[in-house]
Amino acid sequence: MTLTSLFKAGPGGVMTDDVGVVTGDLELRTTLAGGTVTVEVRYEGADEWYRLSAADCQLVNDKDHEAVHHALLGVLNRPEG
């Protein structure tokens, strides 16, 4: 199961494992497979996804995936800084 949401990164951007800090209008993708949530971001409309540093997690209950996605979105979306 995969969830995606658009967001605007705050002034410091978000740190990825692949390319370092990314800023601006981004998209969050969380993918649940085998109880593990993988977290990635990309520039809005781009093709390439980047792994968000230290964000992957293991769930006890797969039903928590949506809550984890929305919690991450709440932390990452900082349109006003």
PDB file of N, CA and C in Angstrom:
ATOM      1  N   MET A   1       0.853  -1.184   0.000  1.00  0.00           N
ATOM      2  CA  MET A   1       0.000   0.000   0.000  1.00  0.00           C
ATOM      3  C   MET A   1       0.891   1.237   0.000  1.00  0.00           C
ATOM      4  N   THR A   2       0.533   2.192  -0.830  1.00  0.00           N
ATOM      5  CA  THR A   2       1.310   3.425  -0.951  1.00  0.00           C
ATOM      6  C   THR A   2       0.395   4.631  -0.771  1.00  0.00           C
ATOM      7  N   LEU A   3       0.866   5.602   0.007  1.00  0.00           N
ATOM      8  CA  LEU A   3       0.165   6.866   0.200  1.00  0.00           C
ATOM      9  C   LEU A   3       1.077   8.002  -0.251  1.00  0.00           C
ATOM     10  N   THR A   4       0.517   9.024  -0.889  1.00  0.00           N
ATOM     11  CA  THR A   4       1.297  10.185  -1.313  1.00  0.00           C
ATOM     12  C   THR A   4       0.555  11.468  -0.940  1.00  0.00           C
ATOM     13  N   SER A   5       1.327  12.518  -0.659  1.00  0.00           N
ATOM     14  CA  SER A   5       0.775  13.835  -0.335  1.00  0.00           C
ATOM     15  C   SER A   5       1.765  14.907  -0.748  1.00  0.00           C
ATOM     16  N   LEU A   6       1.240  16.030  -1.216  1.00  0.00           N
ATOM     17  CA  LEU A   6       2.077  17.182  -1.540  1.00  0.00           C
ATOM     18  C   LEU A   6       2.296  18.004  -0.278  1.00  0.00           C
ATOM     19  N   PHE A   7       3.482  18.626  -0.186  1.00  0.00           N
ATOM     20  CA  PHE A   7       3.767  19.513   0.946  1.00  0.00           C
ATOM     21  C   PHE A   7       4.853  20.496   0.564  1.00  0.00           C
ATOM     22  N   LYS A   8       5.011  21.510   1.393  1.00  0.00           N
ATOM     23  CA  LYS A   8       6.078  22.505   1.196  1.00  0.00           C
ATOM     24  C   LYS A   8       7.044  22.392   2.370  1.00  0.00           C
ATOM     25  N   ALA A   9       8.302  22.148   2.058  1.00  0.00           N
ATOM     26  CA  ALA A   9       9.327  22.011   3.092  1.00  0.00           C
ATOM     27  C   ALA A   9       9.602  23.354   3.754  1.00  0.00           C
ATOM     28  N   GLY A  10       9.985  23.305   5.013  1.00  0.00           N
ATOM     29  CA  GLY A  10      10.357  24.509   5.748  1.00  0.00           C
ATOM     30  C   GLY A  10      11.681  25.061   5.268  1.00  0.00           C
ATOM     31  N   PRO A  11      12.157  26.144   5.866  1.00  0.00           N
ATOM     32  CA  PRO A  11      13.379  26.823   5.430  1.00  0.00           C
ATOM     33  C   PRO A  11      14.625  25.937   5.385  1.00  0.00           C
ATOM     34  N   GLY A  12      14.726  24.954   6.256  1.00  0.00           N
ATOM     35  CA  GLY A  12      15.896  24.075   6.263  1.00  0.00           C
ATOM     36  C   GLY A  12      15.765  22.884   5.343  1.00  0.00           C
ATOM     37  N   GLY A  13      14.591  22.717   4.721  1.00  0.00           N
ATOM     38  CA  GLY A  13      14.353  21.589   3.840  1.00  0.00           C
ATOM     39  C   GLY A  13      14.259  20.281   4.602  1.00  0.00           C
ATOM     40  N   VAL A  14      14.344  19.176   3.885  1.00  0.00           N
ATOM     41  CA  VAL A  14      14.342  17.846   4.500  1.00  0.00           C
ATOM     42  C   VAL A  14      15.574  17.080   4.019  1.00  0.00           C
ATOM     43  N   MET A  15      16.153  16.296   4.923  1.00  0.00           N
ATOM     44  CA  MET A  15      17.381  15.559   4.632  1.00  0.00           C
ATOM     45  C   MET A  15      17.051  14.195   4.017  1.00  0.00           C
ATOM     46  N   THR A  16      17.694  13.905   2.907  1.00  0.00           N
ATOM     47  CA  THR A  16      17.534  12.598   2.269  1.00  0.00           C
ATOM     48  C   THR A  16      18.859  11.855   2.304  1.00  0.00           C
ATOM     49  N   ASP A  17      18.774  10.536   2.201  1.00  0.00           N
ATOM     50  CA  ASP A  17      19.982   9.713   2.144  1.00  0.00           C
ATOM     51  C   ASP A  17      20.675   9.839   0.797  1.00  0.00           C
ATOM     52  N   ASP A  18      19.912  10.133  -0.249  1.00  0.00           N
ATOM     53  CA  ASP A  18      20.427  10.063  -1.615  1.00  0.00           C
ATOM     54  C   ASP A  18      21.109  11.335  -2.111  1.00  0.00           C
ATOM     55  N   VAL A  19      20.507  12.495  -1.809  1.00  0.00           N
ATOM     56  CA  VAL A  19      21.032  13.749  -2.376  1.00  0.00           C
ATOM     57  C   VAL A  19      21.204  14.853  -1.340  1.00  0.00           C
ATOM     58  N   GLY A  20      21.089  14.528  -0.067  1.00  0.00           N
ATOM     59  CA  GLY A  20      21.195  15.554   0.967  1.00  0.00           C
ATOM     60  C   GLY A  20      19.880  16.293   1.124  1.00  0.00           C
ATOM     61  N   VAL A  21      19.947  17.586   1.359  1.00  0.00           N
ATOM     62  CA  VAL A  21      18.754  18.390   1.650  1.00  0.00           C
ATOM     63  C   VAL A  21      18.005  18.735   0.368  1.00  0.00           C
ATOM     64  N   VAL A  22      16.677  18.570   0.423  1.00  0.00           N
ATOM     65  CA  VAL A  22      15.817  19.035  -0.664  1.00  0.00           C
ATOM     66  C   VAL A  22      14.851  20.056  -0.067  1.00  0.00           C
ATOM     67  N   THR A  23      14.489  21.049  -0.861  1.00  0.00           N
ATOM     68  CA  THR A  23      13.654  22.148  -0.384  1.00  0.00           C
ATOM     69  C   THR A  23      12.532  22.428  -1.363  1.00  0.00           C
ATOM     70  N   GLY A  24      11.590  23.252  -0.933  1.00  0.00           N
ATOM     71  CA  GLY A  24      10.541  23.728  -1.836  1.00  0.00           C
ATOM     72  C   GLY A  24       9.308  22.853  -1.844  1.00  0.00           C
ATOM     73  N   ASP A  25       8.649  22.810  -2.997  1.00  0.00           N
ATOM     74  CA  ASP A  25       7.414  22.044  -3.160  1.00  0.00           C
ATOM     75  C   ASP A  25       7.775  20.584  -3.406  1.00  0.00           C
ATOM     76  N   LEU A  26       7.375  19.723  -2.467  1.00  0.00           N
ATOM     77  CA  LEU A  26       7.766  18.323  -2.489  1.00  0.00           C
ATOM     78  C   LEU A  26       6.547  17.417  -2.401  1.00  0.00           C
ATOM     79  N   GLU A  27       6.797  16.135  -2.597  1.00  0.00           N
ATOM     80  CA  GLU A  27       5.771  15.111  -2.447  1.00  0.00           C
ATOM     81  C   GLU A  27       6.301  14.037  -1.513  1.00  0.00           C
ATOM     82  N   LEU A  28       5.477  13.632  -0.576  1.00  0.00           N
ATOM     83  CA  LEU A  28       5.808  12.575   0.376  1.00  0.00           C
ATOM     84  C   LEU A  28       5.168  11.280  -0.101  1.00  0.00           C
ATOM     85  N   ARG A  29       5.945  10.186  -0.061  1.00  0.00           N
ATOM     86  CA  ARG A  29       5.399   8.863  -0.369  1.00  0.00           C
ATOM     87  C   ARG A  29       5.793   7.909   0.745  1.00  0.00           C
ATOM     88  N   THR A  30       4.794   7.246   1.328  1.00  0.00           N
ATOM     89  CA  THR A  30       5.064   6.186   2.286  1.00  0.00           C
ATOM     90  C   THR A  30       4.525   4.893   1.701  1.00  0.00           C
ATOM     91  N   THR A  31       5.345   3.848   1.778  1.00  0.00           N
ATOM     92  CA  THR A  31       4.973   2.555   1.228  1.00  0.00           C
ATOM     93  C   THR A  31       5.058   1.507   2.321  1.00  0.00           C
ATOM     94  N   LEU A  32       3.982   0.765   2.510  1.00  0.00           N
ATOM     95  CA  LEU A  32       3.921  -0.292   3.514  1.00  0.00           C
ATOM     96  C   LEU A  32       4.103  -1.642   2.824  1.00  0.00           C
ATOM     97  N   ALA A  33       5.102  -2.395   3.271  1.00  0.00           N
ATOM     98  CA  ALA A  33       5.347  -3.743   2.753  1.00  0.00           C
ATOM     99  C   ALA A  33       5.921  -4.589   3.873  1.00  0.00           C
ATOM    100  N   GLY A  34       5.270  -5.693   4.183  1.00  0.00           N
ATOM    101  CA  GLY A  34       5.771  -6.584   5.223  1.00  0.00           C
ATOM    102  C   GLY A  34       5.876  -5.948   6.593  1.00  0.00           C
ATOM    103  N   GLY A  35       5.002  -4.990   6.883  1.00  0.00           N
ATOM    104  CA  GLY A  35       5.016  -4.320   8.182  1.00  0.00           C
ATOM    105  C   GLY A  35       5.994  -3.165   8.287  1.00  0.00           C
ATOM    106  N   THR A  36       6.774  -2.932   7.248  1.00  0.00           N
ATOM    107  CA  THR A  36       7.753  -1.836   7.246  1.00  0.00           C
ATOM    108  C   THR A  36       7.252  -0.692   6.374  1.00  0.00           C
ATOM    109  N   VAL A  37       7.340   0.523   6.909  1.00  0.00           N
ATOM    110  CA  VAL A  37       6.994   1.723   6.143  1.00  0.00           C
ATOM    111  C   VAL A  37       8.289   2.345   5.625  1.00  0.00           C
ATOM    112  N   THR A  38       8.366   2.484   4.317  1.00  0.00           N
ATOM    113  CA  THR A  38       9.484   3.166   3.668  1.00  0.00           C
ATOM    114  C   THR A  38       9.033   4.581   3.320  1.00  0.00           C
ATOM    115  N   VAL A  39       9.878   5.576   3.633  1.00  0.00           N
ATOM    116  CA  VAL A  39       9.498   6.977   3.464  1.00  0.00           C
ATOM    117  C   VAL A  39      10.411   7.623   2.425  1.00  0.00           C
ATOM    118  N   GLU A  40       9.786   8.230   1.418  1.00  0.00           N
ATOM    119  CA  GLU A  40      10.529   8.895   0.349  1.00  0.00           C
ATOM    120  C   GLU A  40       9.895  10.239   0.030  1.00  0.00           C
ATOM    121  N   VAL A  41      10.700  11.125  -0.558  1.00  0.00           N
ATOM    122  CA  VAL A  41      10.215  12.420  -1.037  1.00  0.00           C
ATOM    123  C   VAL A  41      10.760  12.653  -2.435  1.00  0.00           C
ATOM    124  N   ARG A  42      10.091  13.524  -3.155  1.00  0.00           N
ATOM    125  CA  ARG A  42      10.593  13.970  -4.462  1.00  0.00           C
ATOM    126  C   ARG A  42      10.102  15.385  -4.686  1.00  0.00           C
ATOM    127  N   TYR A  43      10.774  16.071  -5.616  1.00  0.00           N
ATOM    128  CA  TYR A  43      10.288  17.381  -6.022  1.00  0.00           C
ATOM    129  C   TYR A  43       8.955  17.174  -6.726  1.00  0.00           C
ATOM    130  N   GLU A  44       7.994  18.038  -6.443  1.00  0.00           N
ATOM    131  CA  GLU A  44       6.659  17.901  -7.017  1.00  0.00           C
ATOM    132  C   GLU A  44       6.732  17.724  -8.529  1.00  0.00           C
ATOM    133  N   GLY A  45       6.178  16.639  -9.028  1.00  0.00           N
ATOM    134  CA  GLY A  45       6.143  16.376 -10.462  1.00  0.00           C
ATOM    135  C   GLY A  45       7.377  15.703 -11.028  1.00  0.00           C
ATOM    136  N   ALA A  46       8.419  15.516 -10.236  1.00  0.00           N
ATOM    137  CA  ALA A  46       9.656  14.879 -10.710  1.00  0.00           C
ATOM    138  C   ALA A  46       9.475  13.359 -10.780  1.00  0.00           C
ATOM    139  N   ASP A  47      10.432  12.693 -11.419  1.00  0.00           N
ATOM    140  CA  ASP A  47      10.384  11.236 -11.545  1.00  0.00           C
ATOM    141  C   ASP A  47      11.116  10.527 -10.413  1.00  0.00           C
ATOM    142  N   GLU A  48      12.192  11.107  -9.939  1.00  0.00           N
ATOM    143  CA  GLU A  48      13.078  10.419  -8.992  1.00  0.00           C
ATOM    144  C   GLU A  48      12.679  10.655  -7.533  1.00  0.00           C
ATOM    145  N   TRP A  49      12.590   9.552  -6.777  1.00  0.00           N
ATOM    146  CA  TRP A  49      12.284   9.603  -5.350  1.00  0.00           C
ATOM    147  C   TRP A  49      13.562   9.471  -4.541  1.00  0.00           C
ATOM    148  N   TYR A  50      13.607  10.126  -3.359  1.00  0.00           N
ATOM    149  CA  TYR A  50      14.761  10.084  -2.467  1.00  0.00           C
ATOM    150  C   TYR A  50      14.321   9.588  -1.091  1.00  0.00           C
ATOM    151  N   ARG A  51      15.098   8.701  -0.524  1.00  0.00           N
ATOM    152  CA  ARG A  51      14.786   8.130   0.792  1.00  0.00           C
ATOM    153  C   ARG A  51      14.988   9.191   1.858  1.00  0.00           C
ATOM    154  N   LEU A  52      13.969   9.418   2.689  1.00  0.00           N
ATOM    155  CA  LEU A  52      14.057  10.380   3.784  1.00  0.00           C
ATOM    156  C   LEU A  52      14.908   9.783   4.897  1.00  0.00           C
ATOM    157  N   SER A  53      15.911  10.498   5.341  1.00  0.00           N
ATOM    158  CA  SER A  53      16.864   9.996   6.334  1.00  0.00           C
ATOM    159  C   SER A  53      16.181   9.630   7.643  1.00  0.00           C
ATOM    160  N   ALA A  54      16.464   8.428   8.132  1.00  0.00           N
ATOM    161  CA  ALA A  54      16.029   7.924   9.445  1.00  0.00           C
ATOM    162  C   ALA A  54      14.522   7.970   9.644  1.00  0.00           C
ATOM    163  N   ALA A  55      13.737   7.802   8.582  1.00  0.00           N
ATOM    164  CA  ALA A  55      12.284   7.907   8.715  1.00  0.00           C
ATOM    165  C   ALA A  55      11.554   6.571   8.588  1.00  0.00           C
ATOM    166  N   ASP A  56      12.191   5.556   8.024  1.00  0.00           N
ATOM    167  CA  ASP A  56      11.526   4.260   7.889  1.00  0.00           C
ATOM    168  C   ASP A  56      11.188   3.707   9.271  1.00  0.00           C
ATOM    169  N   CYS A  57      10.109   2.941   9.350  1.00  0.00           N
ATOM    170  CA  CYS A  57       9.720   2.370  10.638  1.00  0.00           C
ATOM    171  C   CYS A  57       8.999   1.042  10.452  1.00  0.00           C
ATOM    172  N   GLN A  58       8.988   0.277  11.506  1.00  0.00           N
ATOM    173  CA  GLN A  58       8.292  -1.009  11.550  1.00  0.00           C
ATOM    174  C   GLN A  58       6.982  -0.813  12.302  1.00  0.00           C
ATOM    175  N   LEU A  59       5.879  -1.301  11.742  1.00  0.00           N
ATOM    176  CA  LEU A  59       4.577  -1.168  12.385  1.00  0.00           C
ATOM    177  C   LEU A  59       4.167  -2.465  13.066  1.00  0.00           C
ATOM    178  N   VAL A  60       3.509  -2.346  14.182  1.00  0.00           N
ATOM    179  CA  VAL A  60       2.933  -3.507  14.866  1.00  0.00           C
ATOM    180  C   VAL A  60       1.631  -3.893  14.160  1.00  0.00           C
ATOM    181  N   ASN A  61       0.892  -2.879  13.703  1.00  0.00           N
ATOM    182  CA  ASN A  61      -0.377  -3.107  13.031  1.00  0.00           C
ATOM    183  C   ASN A  61      -0.382  -2.322  11.717  1.00  0.00           C
ATOM    184  N   ASP A  62      -0.614  -3.009  10.599  1.00  0.00           N
ATOM    185  CA  ASP A  62      -0.618  -2.349   9.289  1.00  0.00           C
ATOM    186  C   ASP A  62      -1.633  -1.215   9.202  1.00  0.00           C
ATOM    187  N   LYS A  63      -2.659  -1.239  10.029  1.00  0.00           N
ATOM    188  CA  LYS A  63      -3.681  -0.191  10.019  1.00  0.00           C
ATOM    189  C   LYS A  63      -3.115   1.165  10.449  1.00  0.00           C
ATOM    190  N   ASP A  64      -1.928   1.180  11.048  1.00  0.00           N
ATOM    191  CA  ASP A  64      -1.311   2.423  11.502  1.00  0.00           C
ATOM    192  C   ASP A  64      -0.590   3.179  10.383  1.00  0.00           C
ATOM    193  N   HIS A  65      -0.526   2.595   9.192  1.00  0.00           N
ATOM    194  CA  HIS A  65       0.197   3.231   8.081  1.00  0.00           C
ATOM    195  C   HIS A  65      -0.330   4.637   7.786  1.00  0.00           C
ATOM    196  N   GLU A  66      -1.625   4.783   7.684  1.00  0.00           N
ATOM    197  CA  GLU A  66      -2.194   6.094   7.371  1.00  0.00           C
ATOM    198  C   GLU A  66      -1.866   7.122   8.457  1.00  0.00           C
ATOM    199  N   ALA A  67      -1.920   6.709   9.718  1.00  0.00           N
ATOM    200  CA  ALA A  67      -1.596   7.624  10.817  1.00  0.00           C
ATOM    201  C   ALA A  67      -0.134   8.053  10.759  1.00  0.00           C
ATOM    202  N   VAL A  68       0.760   7.123  10.450  1.00  0.00           N
ATOM    203  CA  VAL A  68       2.188   7.456  10.330  1.00  0.00           C
ATOM    204  C   VAL A  68       2.399   8.425   9.176  1.00  0.00           C
ATOM    205  N   HIS A  69       1.753   8.175   8.044  1.00  0.00           N
ATOM    206  CA  HIS A  69       1.873   9.060   6.882  1.00  0.00           C
ATOM    207  C   HIS A  69       1.443  10.482   7.251  1.00  0.00           C
ATOM    208  N   HIS A  70       0.288  10.609   7.904  1.00  0.00           N
ATOM    209  CA  HIS A  70      -0.223  11.940   8.256  1.00  0.00           C
ATOM    210  C   HIS A  70       0.620  12.617   9.329  1.00  0.00           C
ATOM    211  N   ALA A  71       1.198  11.846  10.237  1.00  0.00           N
ATOM    212  CA  ALA A  71       2.094  12.427  11.244  1.00  0.00           C
ATOM    213  C   ALA A  71       3.345  12.986  10.565  1.00  0.00           C
ATOM    214  N   LEU A  72       3.926  12.236   9.641  1.00  0.00           N
ATOM    215  CA  LEU A  72       5.093  12.724   8.902  1.00  0.00           C
ATOM    216  C   LEU A  72       4.744  13.978   8.113  1.00  0.00           C
ATOM    217  N   LEU A  73       3.608  13.971   7.464  1.00  0.00           N
ATOM    218  CA  LEU A  73       3.173  15.137   6.698  1.00  0.00           C
ATOM    219  C   LEU A  73       3.031  16.355   7.608  1.00  0.00           C
ATOM    220  N   GLY A  74       2.478  16.157   8.795  1.00  0.00           N
ATOM    221  CA  GLY A  74       2.331  17.254   9.743  1.00  0.00           C
ATOM    222  C   GLY A  74       3.649  17.854  10.182  1.00  0.00           C
ATOM    223  N   VAL A  75       4.666  17.023  10.300  1.00  0.00           N
ATOM    224  CA  VAL A  75       5.996  17.496  10.699  1.00  0.00           C
ATOM    225  C   VAL A  75       6.717  18.165   9.533  1.00  0.00           C
ATOM    226  N   LEU A  76       6.587  17.590   8.335  1.00  0.00           N
ATOM    227  CA  LEU A  76       7.348  18.075   7.181  1.00  0.00           C
ATOM    228  C   LEU A  76       6.739  19.304   6.521  1.00  0.00           C
ATOM    229  N   ASN A  77       5.411  19.425   6.516  1.00  0.00           N
ATOM    230  CA  ASN A  77       4.749  20.521   5.829  1.00  0.00           C
ATOM    231  C   ASN A  77       4.849  21.796   6.657  1.00  0.00           C
ATOM    232  N   ARG A  78       5.715  22.704   6.191  1.00  0.00           N
ATOM    233  CA  ARG A  78       5.936  23.970   6.913  1.00  0.00           C
ATOM    234  C   ARG A  78       5.948  25.128   5.929  1.00  0.00           C
ATOM    235  N   PRO A  79       4.796  25.409   5.312  1.00  0.00           N
ATOM    236  CA  PRO A  79       4.760  26.438   4.270  1.00  0.00           C
ATOM    237  C   PRO A  79       5.088  27.840   4.766  1.00  0.00           C
ATOM    238  N   GLU A  80       4.965  28.070   6.050  1.00  0.00           N
ATOM    239  CA  GLU A  80       5.233  29.397   6.585  1.00  0.00           C
ATOM    240  C   GLU A  80       6.572  29.461   7.340  1.00  0.00           C
ATOM    241  N   GLY A  81       7.323  28.353   7.265  1.00  0.00           N
ATOM    242  CA  GLY A  81       8.622  28.346   7.931  1.00  0.00           C
ATOM    243  C   GLY A  81       8.617  27.853   9.271  1.00  0.00           C
TER     244      GLY A  81
END
